Amino acid sequence: MTASLVGTLERGLGYHIEHRKNGFFSKRNQKSFVPPDGHWRFIVLCAELAQNKLHISDIEVTAGELDDALEEATYGRLQSPWAPRDAVVNAAKVLHLKSELGL
């Protein structure tokens, strides 16, 4: 039997995990308030769960989505030479970026 994690990870972020045919995906809650930094905090929370091997083995997010999440959180545009917008970033890189930016 395989267990899976779907639903809200932390109240108030405005995002949840949804299961589809081809995997698990984050989705913005349509009818609830999403704080400006909710997207960024959701990505970081998923990365931390993956790092600690709690329910998530790893994440894949594009550098463009990270850039958008940081801009939404008013941290400014990400100027990162290692990650063109279409580059796929894993949990370790997300957490390294968080540390690098002092967030």
Protein backbone atom coordinates (compact mmCIF):
# COMPACT_ATOMS: atom_id res chain seq x y z
CA MET A 1 0.00 0.00 0.00
CA THR A 2 1.30 3.44 -0.92
CA ALA A 3 0.52 6.49 1.17
CA SER A 4 0.24 9.94 -0.33
CA LEU A 5 0.06 13.46 0.98
CA VAL A 6 -2.61 15.76 -0.41
CA GLY A 7 -4.30 18.83 0.99
CA THR A 8 -3.18 21.85 2.95
CA LEU A 9 0.29 21.70 4.51
CA GLU A 10 0.01 24.87 6.58
CA ARG A 11 -3.03 27.00 7.17
CA GLY A 12 -2.95 30.48 5.70
CA LEU A 13 -0.47 29.98 2.84
CA GLY A 14 -3.17 29.82 0.18
CA TYR A 15 -1.78 26.71 -1.55
CA HIS A 16 -2.40 22.98 -1.31
CA ILE A 17 -1.14 19.73 -2.85
CA GLU A 18 -3.34 18.07 -5.42
CA HIS A 19 -3.03 14.56 -6.91
CA ARG A 20 -3.41 14.23 -10.68
CA LYS A 21 -2.85 11.32 -13.06
CA ASN A 22 0.79 12.22 -13.67
CA GLY A 23 1.84 13.17 -10.13
CA PHE A 24 1.36 15.62 -7.31
CA PHE A 25 1.15 19.36 -7.91
CA SER A 26 0.73 22.52 -5.89
CA LYS A 27 -2.36 24.55 -6.54
CA ARG A 28 -3.38 28.02 -5.45
CA ASN A 29 -6.59 28.02 -3.41
CA GLN A 30 -9.25 29.76 -5.48
CA LYS A 31 -11.53 31.03 -2.74
CA SER A 32 -9.20 31.86 0.11
CA PHE A 33 -6.86 34.72 0.93
CA VAL A 34 -3.28 34.21 -0.25
CA PRO A 35 -0.70 36.33 1.57
CA PRO A 36 1.94 38.03 -0.61
CA ASP A 37 4.61 35.58 0.58
CA GLY A 38 2.31 32.52 0.62
CA HIS A 39 3.62 31.07 -2.65
CA TRP A 40 7.27 31.41 -1.58
CA ARG A 41 6.58 30.00 1.91
CA PHE A 42 4.69 27.03 0.39
CA ILE A 43 7.61 26.20 -1.91
CA VAL A 44 10.07 26.45 1.01
CA LEU A 45 7.84 24.28 3.23
CA CYS A 46 7.72 21.57 0.55
CA ALA A 47 11.51 21.79 0.15
CA GLU A 48 12.00 21.45 3.92
CA LEU A 49 9.70 18.42 4.04
CA ALA A 50 11.74 16.85 1.21
CA GLN A 51 15.05 17.64 2.92
CA ASN A 52 13.80 15.98 6.11
CA LYS A 53 12.32 13.09 4.13
CA LEU A 54 8.83 13.73 5.54
CA HIS A 55 6.16 12.64 3.04
CA ILE A 56 7.95 14.28 0.08
CA SER A 57 11.05 12.81 -1.56
CA ASP A 58 11.91 15.92 -3.60
CA ILE A 59 10.31 18.84 -5.42
CA GLU A 60 10.64 20.24 -8.91
CA VAL A 61 9.92 23.90 -9.51
CA THR A 62 11.04 26.14 -12.33
CA ALA A 63 13.34 29.04 -11.62
CA GLY A 64 10.67 31.23 -13.22
CA GLU A 65 8.11 30.15 -10.64
CA LEU A 66 10.62 30.83 -7.86
CA ASP A 67 11.29 34.24 -9.34
CA ASP A 68 7.56 34.98 -9.50
CA ALA A 69 7.02 33.78 -5.91
CA LEU A 70 9.83 36.01 -4.65
CA GLU A 71 8.48 38.99 -6.57
CA GLU A 72 4.95 38.36 -5.19
CA ALA A 73 6.48 38.35 -1.70
CA THR A 74 8.05 41.74 -2.52
CA TYR A 75 11.58 40.38 -2.14
CA GLY A 76 12.33 41.67 -5.66
CA ARG A 77 13.27 39.93 -8.89
CA LEU A 78 15.72 37.07 -8.63
CA GLN A 79 18.88 37.70 -10.60
CA SER A 80 20.43 34.26 -10.64
CA PRO A 81 22.90 33.16 -13.32
CA TRP A 82 22.54 29.46 -12.37
CA ALA A 83 18.83 29.35 -13.12
CA PRO A 84 17.27 30.54 -16.37
CA ARG A 85 13.46 30.77 -16.00
CA ASP A 86 12.87 27.33 -17.53
CA ALA A 87 15.50 25.55 -15.40
CA VAL A 88 14.09 22.97 -12.98
CA VAL A 89 15.17 23.48 -9.37
CA ASN A 90 15.02 20.82 -6.64
CA ALA A 91 14.54 21.10 -2.87
CA ALA A 92 18.26 21.43 -2.11
CA LYS A 93 18.60 24.37 -4.52
CA VAL A 94 15.48 26.08 -3.13
CA LEU A 95 16.87 25.85 0.41
CA HIS A 96 20.30 27.03 -0.76
CA LEU A 97 18.65 30.03 -2.44
CA LYS A 98 16.66 30.77 0.73
CA SER A 99 19.88 30.77 2.74
CA GLU A 100 21.77 32.77 0.11
CA LEU A 101 19.10 35.46 0.12
CA GLY A 102 18.87 35.49 3.92
CA LEU A 103 15.15 34.69 3.97
